[in-house]
Amino acid sequence: MNVTAEKGSPDFIVLYHRFMSLGTGHRAELRRARSPDELSFISALYRLFPGERPDVRHRRIAFLLPWCRHSTKPPTFARQLVERQINEKRILQIARTSAPLDLIQFRRIAMHVEPVVDWAQFGQLLWFWNSEKKRKFVEDFYLAHFVKPKGGKK
């Protein structure tokens, strides 16, 4: 797989296009997975990462790929959550929950919102998903939620 310069992570845009080139049956296999761990027993995962031994990072990406379309300049994921009026309790639940439930909750929100993301950035969030990334996710949500109006005080 092509690797980006940033910390040896994959090229997530290439990966997104590889996902889109999979047959509909293989894409459906990935959509039906109930947890990231279940992906280890789905052939589409190995087609998505040919010649690699997928680990937990690969499974996180594959778990969300079917639910997030790609664009180069979309509103941030956090902004889309705010616009769709996702309750802050759901965001905090993701941050407080351990794997794999955190990612399952994250995907449920993505399924509801049907976001358009820049996979170059969104992929980094998922690839390096940990307590620090969760905190950034929560911060981004609140920053998008409580944006100061231009030229005014809030």
N, C-alpha and C. Protein backbone atom coordinates (compact mmCIF):
# COMPACT_ATOMS: atom_id res chain seq x y z
N MET A 1 0.85 -1.18 0.00
CA MET A 1 0.00 0.00 0.00
C MET A 1 0.88 1.23 0.00
N ASN A 2 0.44 2.26 -0.69
CA ASN A 2 1.18 3.51 -0.66
C ASN A 2 1.12 4.08 0.74
N VAL A 3 2.25 4.62 1.18
CA VAL A 3 2.32 5.16 2.53
C VAL A 3 2.57 6.66 2.43
N THR A 4 1.85 7.42 3.24
CA THR A 4 2.04 8.86 3.25
C THR A 4 3.26 9.20 4.07
N ALA A 5 3.69 10.45 3.93
CA ALA A 5 4.86 10.88 4.67
C ALA A 5 4.58 11.00 6.17
N GLU A 6 3.31 11.17 6.52
CA GLU A 6 2.97 11.40 7.92
C GLU A 6 2.94 10.12 8.74
N LYS A 7 3.99 9.90 9.50
CA LYS A 7 4.07 8.83 10.49
C LYS A 7 3.83 7.43 9.91
N GLY A 8 4.14 7.23 8.65
CA GLY A 8 4.01 5.91 8.07
C GLY A 8 2.60 5.39 7.91
N SER A 9 1.63 6.27 7.90
CA SER A 9 0.24 5.83 7.72
C SER A 9 -0.05 5.65 6.24
N PRO A 10 -1.07 4.87 5.92
CA PRO A 10 -1.42 4.65 4.51
C PRO A 10 -1.92 5.91 3.83
N ASP A 11 -1.95 5.89 2.53
CA ASP A 11 -2.57 6.96 1.75
C ASP A 11 -4.07 6.66 1.76
N PHE A 12 -4.79 7.37 2.59
CA PHE A 12 -6.21 7.07 2.82
C PHE A 12 -7.09 7.39 1.62
N ILE A 13 -6.68 8.31 0.79
CA ILE A 13 -7.46 8.62 -0.41
C ILE A 13 -7.35 7.47 -1.40
N VAL A 14 -6.14 6.94 -1.57
CA VAL A 14 -5.96 5.76 -2.43
C VAL A 14 -6.79 4.61 -1.87
N LEU A 15 -6.76 4.46 -0.56
CA LEU A 15 -7.53 3.40 0.09
C LEU A 15 -9.03 3.57 -0.15
N TYR A 16 -9.52 4.80 -0.06
CA TYR A 16 -10.94 5.07 -0.33
C TYR A 16 -11.29 4.66 -1.76
N HIS A 17 -10.45 5.02 -2.70
CA HIS A 17 -10.71 4.66 -4.10
C HIS A 17 -10.63 3.15 -4.31
N ARG A 18 -9.75 2.48 -3.59
CA ARG A 18 -9.69 1.02 -3.65
C ARG A 18 -10.99 0.43 -3.11
N PHE A 19 -11.49 0.99 -2.02
CA PHE A 19 -12.77 0.53 -1.47
C PHE A 19 -13.88 0.71 -2.50
N MET A 20 -13.92 1.88 -3.15
CA MET A 20 -14.98 2.15 -4.12
C MET A 20 -14.87 1.23 -5.34
N SER A 21 -13.67 0.72 -5.63
CA SER A 21 -13.51 -0.17 -6.78
C SER A 21 -13.83 -1.63 -6.45
N LEU A 22 -14.03 -1.94 -5.16
CA LEU A 22 -14.45 -3.29 -4.78
C LEU A 22 -15.84 -3.54 -5.34
N GLY A 23 -16.16 -4.78 -5.57
CA GLY A 23 -17.50 -5.12 -6.01
C GLY A 23 -18.53 -4.79 -4.94
N THR A 24 -19.78 -4.67 -5.35
CA THR A 24 -20.82 -4.30 -4.39
C THR A 24 -20.96 -5.33 -3.28
N GLY A 25 -20.73 -6.60 -3.59
CA GLY A 25 -20.82 -7.64 -2.57
C GLY A 25 -19.76 -7.48 -1.49
N HIS A 26 -18.54 -7.12 -1.90
CA HIS A 26 -17.46 -6.92 -0.93
C HIS A 26 -17.69 -5.66 -0.09
N ARG A 27 -18.18 -4.62 -0.73
CA ARG A 27 -18.49 -3.40 0.04
C ARG A 27 -19.60 -3.70 1.04
N ALA A 28 -20.58 -4.51 0.64
CA ALA A 28 -21.69 -4.88 1.54
C ALA A 28 -21.17 -5.70 2.71
N GLU A 29 -20.19 -6.58 2.48
CA GLU A 29 -19.59 -7.35 3.58
C GLU A 29 -19.04 -6.42 4.65
N LEU A 30 -18.34 -5.37 4.21
CA LEU A 30 -17.77 -4.42 5.16
C LEU A 30 -18.86 -3.65 5.89
N ARG A 31 -19.93 -3.29 5.20
CA ARG A 31 -21.04 -2.56 5.84
C ARG A 31 -21.73 -3.41 6.90
N ARG A 32 -21.83 -4.71 6.66
CA ARG A 32 -22.57 -5.59 7.58
C ARG A 32 -21.78 -5.95 8.84
N ALA A 33 -20.50 -5.73 8.87
CA ALA A 33 -19.71 -6.08 10.05
C ALA A 33 -20.26 -5.36 11.28
N ARG A 34 -20.42 -6.09 12.35
CA ARG A 34 -20.98 -5.50 13.58
C ARG A 34 -19.92 -4.91 14.48
N SER A 35 -18.68 -5.30 14.28
CA SER A 35 -17.58 -4.75 15.08
C SER A 35 -16.31 -4.77 14.25
N PRO A 36 -15.33 -3.97 14.62
CA PRO A 36 -14.06 -3.99 13.89
C PRO A 36 -13.39 -5.37 13.93
N ASP A 37 -13.50 -6.07 15.05
CA ASP A 37 -12.87 -7.38 15.17
C ASP A 37 -13.48 -8.39 14.22
N GLU A 38 -14.77 -8.28 13.95
CA GLU A 38 -15.45 -9.20 13.04
C GLU A 38 -14.89 -9.11 11.62
N LEU A 39 -14.29 -7.97 11.28
CA LEU A 39 -13.74 -7.79 9.94
C LEU A 39 -12.62 -8.78 9.62
N SER A 40 -11.95 -9.30 10.64
CA SER A 40 -10.87 -10.26 10.41
C SER A 40 -11.35 -11.51 9.69
N PHE A 41 -12.63 -11.78 9.73
CA PHE A 41 -13.19 -12.98 9.12
C PHE A 41 -14.01 -12.65 7.87
N ILE A 42 -13.74 -11.48 7.28
CA ILE A 42 -14.44 -11.04 6.09
C ILE A 42 -13.41 -10.85 4.98
N SER A 43 -13.63 -11.51 3.86
CA SER A 43 -12.65 -11.49 2.77
C SER A 43 -12.39 -10.10 2.21
N ALA A 44 -13.39 -9.23 2.27
CA ALA A 44 -13.23 -7.88 1.72
C ALA A 44 -12.10 -7.12 2.41
N LEU A 45 -11.86 -7.39 3.68
CA LEU A 45 -10.78 -6.71 4.40
C LEU A 45 -9.44 -7.00 3.72
N TYR A 46 -9.23 -8.22 3.31
CA TYR A 46 -7.97 -8.62 2.70
C TYR A 46 -7.85 -8.12 1.26
N ARG A 47 -8.98 -7.89 0.61
CA ARG A 47 -8.97 -7.27 -0.71
C ARG A 47 -8.66 -5.78 -0.60
N LEU A 48 -9.11 -5.18 0.48
CA LEU A 48 -8.87 -3.77 0.72
C LEU A 48 -7.40 -3.51 1.03
N PHE A 49 -6.76 -4.46 1.70
CA PHE A 49 -5.34 -4.34 2.08
C PHE A 49 -4.56 -5.52 1.49
N PRO A 50 -4.44 -5.60 0.17
CA PRO A 50 -3.79 -6.76 -0.44
C PRO A 50 -2.32 -6.87 -0.03
N GLY A 51 -1.93 -8.10 0.30
CA GLY A 51 -0.54 -8.35 0.66
C GLY A 51 -0.15 -7.88 2.04
N GLU A 52 -1.11 -7.44 2.83
CA GLU A 52 -0.81 -6.97 4.19
C GLU A 52 -1.53 -7.85 5.20
N ARG A 53 -1.02 -7.83 6.42
CA ARG A 53 -1.67 -8.51 7.54
C ARG A 53 -2.38 -7.42 8.34
N PRO A 54 -3.68 -7.23 8.09
CA PRO A 54 -4.41 -6.12 8.73
C PRO A 54 -4.41 -6.23 10.26
N ASP A 55 -4.11 -5.12 10.89
CA ASP A 55 -4.16 -5.05 12.35
C ASP A 55 -5.33 -4.16 12.78
N VAL A 56 -5.36 -3.80 14.03
CA VAL A 56 -6.48 -3.03 14.58
C VAL A 56 -6.66 -1.70 13.85
N ARG A 57 -5.58 -1.07 13.40
CA ARG A 57 -5.68 0.21 12.68
C ARG A 57 -6.39 0.02 11.34
N HIS A 58 -6.02 -1.03 10.63
CA HIS A 58 -6.66 -1.34 9.35
C HIS A 58 -8.15 -1.61 9.54
N ARG A 59 -8.46 -2.35 10.59
CA ARG A 59 -9.87 -2.68 10.84
C ARG A 59 -10.68 -1.43 11.19
N ARG A 60 -10.07 -0.47 11.91
CA ARG A 60 -10.80 0.77 12.21
C ARG A 60 -11.15 1.51 10.92
N ILE A 61 -10.19 1.59 10.02
CA ILE A 61 -10.44 2.27 8.74
C ILE A 61 -11.53 1.54 7.96
N ALA A 62 -11.38 0.23 7.82
CA ALA A 62 -12.36 -0.57 7.05
C ALA A 62 -13.75 -0.51 7.68
N PHE A 63 -13.83 -0.35 8.97
CA PHE A 63 -15.11 -0.30 9.67
C PHE A 63 -15.89 0.98 9.32
N LEU A 64 -15.16 2.07 9.05
CA LEU A 64 -15.81 3.35 8.75
C LEU A 64 -15.87 3.67 7.26
N LEU A 65 -15.03 3.07 6.45
CA LEU A 65 -15.00 3.39 5.01
C LEU A 65 -16.37 3.36 4.34
N PRO A 66 -17.21 2.37 4.60
CA PRO A 66 -18.49 2.33 3.88
C PRO A 66 -19.45 3.47 4.22
N TRP A 67 -19.18 4.18 5.28
CA TRP A 67 -20.16 5.16 5.77
C TRP A 67 -19.73 6.61 5.58
N CYS A 68 -18.55 6.85 5.05
CA CYS A 68 -18.04 8.21 4.92
C CYS A 68 -17.52 8.44 3.51
N ARG A 69 -18.22 9.25 2.76
CA ARG A 69 -17.78 9.57 1.40
C ARG A 69 -16.61 10.53 1.44
N HIS A 70 -15.88 10.62 0.34
CA HIS A 70 -14.69 11.48 0.29
C HIS A 70 -14.93 12.73 -0.55
N SER A 71 -14.38 13.83 -0.08
CA SER A 71 -14.30 15.09 -0.82
C SER A 71 -13.06 15.81 -0.32
N THR A 72 -12.49 16.68 -1.14
CA THR A 72 -11.26 17.35 -0.73
C THR A 72 -11.49 18.56 0.17
N LYS A 73 -12.66 19.17 0.12
CA LYS A 73 -12.89 20.36 0.94
C LYS A 73 -14.25 20.35 1.62
N PRO A 74 -14.57 19.29 2.36
CA PRO A 74 -15.89 19.27 3.02
C PRO A 74 -15.84 20.05 4.33
N PRO A 75 -17.02 20.35 4.90
CA PRO A 75 -17.01 20.87 6.27
C PRO A 75 -16.40 19.81 7.18
N THR A 76 -15.86 20.21 8.29
CA THR A 76 -15.26 19.22 9.20
C THR A 76 -16.32 18.23 9.67
N PHE A 77 -15.85 17.06 10.07
CA PHE A 77 -16.75 16.04 10.60
C PHE A 77 -17.50 16.60 11.80
N ALA A 78 -16.79 17.33 12.66
CA ALA A 78 -17.42 17.93 13.84
C ALA A 78 -18.52 18.91 13.43
N ARG A 79 -18.28 19.72 12.42
CA ARG A 79 -19.28 20.68 11.94
C ARG A 79 -20.51 19.93 11.43
N GLN A 80 -20.30 18.82 10.73
CA GLN A 80 -21.43 18.05 10.22
C GLN A 80 -22.24 17.43 11.36
N LEU A 81 -21.57 17.04 12.44
CA LEU A 81 -22.28 16.51 13.61
C LEU A 81 -23.15 17.58 14.24
N VAL A 82 -22.60 18.78 14.34
CA VAL A 82 -23.36 19.90 14.91
C VAL A 82 -24.55 20.24 14.03
N GLU A 83 -24.33 20.30 12.72
CA GLU A 83 -25.41 20.63 11.79
C GLU A 83 -26.53 19.60 11.82
N ARG A 84 -26.19 18.34 12.07
CA ARG A 84 -27.21 17.27 12.15
C ARG A 84 -27.76 17.13 13.57
N GLN A 85 -27.35 18.04 14.46
CA GLN A 85 -27.84 18.12 15.83
C GLN A 85 -27.59 16.84 16.63
N ILE A 86 -26.40 16.30 16.48
CA ILE A 86 -26.01 15.14 17.28
C ILE A 86 -25.82 15.61 18.72
N ASN A 87 -26.43 14.92 19.64
CA ASN A 87 -26.39 15.29 21.06
C ASN A 87 -24.97 15.13 21.60
N GLU A 88 -24.55 16.10 22.37
CA GLU A 88 -23.20 16.08 22.93
C GLU A 88 -22.98 14.86 23.83
N LYS A 89 -24.04 14.32 24.41
CA LYS A 89 -23.88 13.12 25.25
C LYS A 89 -23.36 11.95 24.43
N ARG A 90 -23.77 11.87 23.18
CA ARG A 90 -23.28 10.78 22.31
C ARG A 90 -21.79 10.95 22.02
N ILE A 91 -21.37 12.20 21.85
CA ILE A 91 -19.95 12.48 21.59
C ILE A 91 -19.13 12.11 22.82
N LEU A 92 -19.60 12.51 23.99
CA LEU A 92 -18.88 12.19 25.23
C LEU A 92 -18.88 10.69 25.50
N GLN A 93 -19.95 10.01 25.13
CA GLN A 93 -20.02 8.56 25.31
C GLN A 93 -18.91 7.87 24.50
N ILE A 94 -18.68 8.33 23.29
CA ILE A 94 -17.60 7.77 22.47
C ILE A 94 -16.26 7.97 23.17
N ALA A 95 -16.04 9.17 23.67
CA ALA A 95 -14.76 9.49 24.30
C ALA A 95 -14.52 8.69 25.58
N ARG A 96 -15.58 8.36 26.29
CA ARG A 96 -15.44 7.67 27.58
C ARG A 96 -15.44 6.16 27.46
N THR A 97 -15.84 5.64 26.32
CA THR A 97 -15.97 4.20 26.14
C THR A 97 -14.68 3.61 25.60
N SER A 98 -14.41 2.38 25.99
CA SER A 98 -13.22 1.67 25.52
C SER A 98 -13.53 0.91 24.23
N ALA A 99 -12.46 0.50 23.57
CA ALA A 99 -12.58 -0.29 22.34
C ALA A 99 -13.20 -1.63 22.67
N PRO A 100 -13.98 -2.20 21.81
CA PRO A 100 -14.39 -1.71 20.50
C PRO A 100 -15.68 -0.88 20.52
N LEU A 101 -16.29 -0.73 21.70
CA LEU A 101 -17.57 -0.02 21.77
C LEU A 101 -17.46 1.44 21.34
N ASP A 102 -16.31 2.06 21.58
CA ASP A 102 -16.14 3.46 21.17
C ASP A 102 -16.28 3.59 19.66
N LEU A 103 -15.66 2.69 18.92
CA LEU A 103 -15.72 2.76 17.47
C LEU A 103 -17.09 2.33 16.93
N ILE A 104 -17.74 1.43 17.62
CA ILE A 104 -19.09 1.03 17.22
C ILE A 104 -20.03 2.22 17.36
N GLN A 105 -19.92 2.97 18.46
CA GLN A 105 -20.73 4.17 18.65
C GLN A 105 -20.37 5.24 17.62
N PHE A 106 -19.08 5.38 17.34
CA PHE A 106 -18.61 6.34 16.35
C PHE A 106 -19.23 6.03 14.99
N ARG A 107 -19.23 4.75 14.62
CA ARG A 107 -19.81 4.35 13.33
C ARG A 107 -21.31 4.59 13.30
N ARG A 108 -22.01 4.36 14.40
CA ARG A 108 -23.45 4.61 14.43
C ARG A 108 -23.77 6.07 14.12
N ILE A 109 -22.96 6.95 14.66
CA ILE A 109 -23.14 8.37 14.37
C ILE A 109 -22.85 8.63 12.90
N ALA A 110 -21.78 8.05 12.38
CA ALA A 110 -21.45 8.24 10.96
C ALA A 110 -22.58 7.71 10.06
N MET A 111 -23.17 6.59 10.44
CA MET A 111 -24.27 6.02 9.66
C MET A 111 -25.46 6.98 9.65
N HIS A 112 -25.69 7.64 10.77
CA HIS A 112 -26.81 8.58 10.88
C HIS A 112 -26.54 9.86 10.08
N VAL A 113 -25.34 10.38 10.22
CA VAL A 113 -24.99 11.67 9.62
C VAL A 113 -24.68 11.54 8.12
N GLU A 114 -24.16 10.39 7.71
CA GLU A 114 -23.71 10.17 6.33
C GLU A 114 -22.75 11.29 5.91
N PRO A 115 -21.62 11.43 6.63
CA PRO A 115 -20.72 12.55 6.39
C PRO A 115 -19.93 12.42 5.09
N VAL A 116 -19.53 13.57 4.60
CA VAL A 116 -18.56 13.67 3.52
C VAL A 116 -17.30 14.19 4.20
N VAL A 117 -16.23 13.41 4.12
CA VAL A 117 -15.00 13.76 4.84
C VAL A 117 -13.83 13.83 3.88
N ASP A 118 -12.79 14.50 4.30
CA ASP A 118 -11.52 14.44 3.59
C ASP A 118 -10.78 13.26 4.20
N TRP A 119 -10.73 12.15 3.46
CA TRP A 119 -10.14 10.93 4.02
C TRP A 119 -8.67 11.09 4.39
N ALA A 120 -7.99 12.06 3.80
CA ALA A 120 -6.59 12.29 4.17
C ALA A 120 -6.51 12.68 5.65
N GLN A 121 -7.46 13.47 6.12
CA GLN A 121 -7.48 13.90 7.52
C GLN A 121 -8.25 12.91 8.40
N PHE A 122 -9.41 12.50 7.94
CA PHE A 122 -10.27 11.61 8.71
C PHE A 122 -9.56 10.27 8.95
N GLY A 123 -8.86 9.80 7.95
CA GLY A 123 -8.11 8.56 8.09
C GLY A 123 -7.06 8.64 9.18
N GLN A 124 -6.41 9.80 9.30
CA GLN A 124 -5.42 9.99 10.37
C GLN A 124 -6.06 9.87 11.75
N LEU A 125 -7.26 10.45 11.89
CA LEU A 125 -7.98 10.35 13.16
C LEU A 125 -8.20 8.89 13.54
N LEU A 126 -8.66 8.09 12.58
CA LEU A 126 -8.96 6.68 12.86
C LEU A 126 -7.70 5.84 13.01
N TRP A 127 -6.70 6.09 12.17
CA TRP A 127 -5.47 5.30 12.20
C TRP A 127 -4.77 5.41 13.56
N PHE A 128 -4.76 6.63 14.11
CA PHE A 128 -4.07 6.88 15.37
C PHE A 128 -5.05 7.02 16.54
N TRP A 129 -6.24 6.43 16.42
CA TRP A 129 -7.31 6.54 17.42
C TRP A 129 -6.80 6.10 18.79
N ASN A 130 -6.83 7.00 19.75
CA ASN A 130 -6.42 6.73 21.12
C ASN A 130 -7.06 7.81 22.00
N SER A 131 -6.70 7.87 23.26
CA SER A 131 -7.34 8.84 24.16
C SER A 131 -7.07 10.27 23.72
N GLU A 132 -5.90 10.54 23.18
CA GLU A 132 -5.59 11.90 22.70
C GLU A 132 -6.46 12.28 21.50
N LYS A 133 -6.63 11.35 20.57
CA LYS A 133 -7.48 11.61 19.40
C LYS A 133 -8.94 11.75 19.82
N LYS A 134 -9.35 10.98 20.81
CA LYS A 134 -10.73 11.11 21.32
C LYS A 134 -10.93 12.50 21.91
N ARG A 135 -9.94 12.96 22.67
CA ARG A 135 -10.03 14.30 23.26
C ARG A 135 -10.12 15.36 22.17
N LYS A 136 -9.32 15.22 21.11
CA LYS A 136 -9.37 16.16 20.00
C LYS A 136 -10.73 16.11 19.32
N PHE A 137 -11.30 14.92 19.18
CA PHE A 137 -12.62 14.75 18.60
C PHE A 137 -13.67 15.53 19.42
N VAL A 138 -13.63 15.39 20.74
CA VAL A 138 -14.55 16.12 21.62
C VAL A 138 -14.32 17.62 21.50
N GLU A 139 -13.06 18.05 21.54
CA GLU A 139 -12.75 19.47 21.42
C GLU A 139 -13.24 20.04 20.09
N ASP A 140 -13.01 19.32 19.00
CA ASP A 140 -13.47 19.78 17.69
C ASP A 140 -14.99 19.93 17.67
N PHE A 141 -15.68 18.99 18.31
CA PHE A 141 -17.15 19.08 18.37
C PHE A 141 -17.57 20.35 19.09
N TYR A 142 -17.00 20.62 20.25
CA TYR A 142 -17.39 21.80 21.01
C TYR A 142 -16.96 23.09 20.33
N LEU A 143 -15.80 23.08 19.69
CA LEU A 143 -15.38 24.27 18.95
C LEU A 143 -16.34 24.55 17.79
N ALA A 144 -16.78 23.51 17.11
CA ALA A 144 -17.75 23.68 16.02
C ALA A 144 -19.11 24.09 16.55
N HIS A 145 -19.44 23.63 17.74
CA HIS A 145 -20.75 23.92 18.34
C HIS A 145 -20.85 25.34 18.85
N PHE A 146 -19.77 25.83 19.42
CA PHE A 146 -19.80 27.15 20.05
C PHE A 146 -18.88 28.12 19.32
N VAL A 147 -19.05 28.24 18.03
CA VAL A 147 -18.24 29.15 17.23
C VAL A 147 -18.67 30.58 17.54
N LYS A 148 -17.66 31.42 17.78
CA LYS A 148 -17.97 32.83 18.02
C LYS A 148 -18.40 33.48 16.70
N PRO A 149 -19.44 34.29 16.75
CA PRO A 149 -19.83 34.98 15.53
C PRO A 149 -18.76 35.98 15.12
N LYS A 150 -18.58 36.18 13.81
CA LYS A 150 -17.57 37.11 13.33
C LYS A 150 -17.93 38.52 13.75
N GLY A 151 -16.94 39.21 14.31
CA GLY A 151 -17.12 40.60 14.68
C GLY A 151 -17.93 40.83 15.94
N GLY A 152 -18.33 39.77 16.61
CA GLY A 152 -19.15 39.94 17.81
C GLY A 152 -18.61 39.14 18.97
N LYS A 153 -19.21 39.35 20.11
CA LYS A 153 -18.82 38.62 21.29
C LYS A 153 -19.91 37.62 21.63
N LYS A 154 -19.52 36.51 22.19
CA LYS A 154 -20.51 35.50 22.57
C LYS A 154 -20.60 35.39 24.05
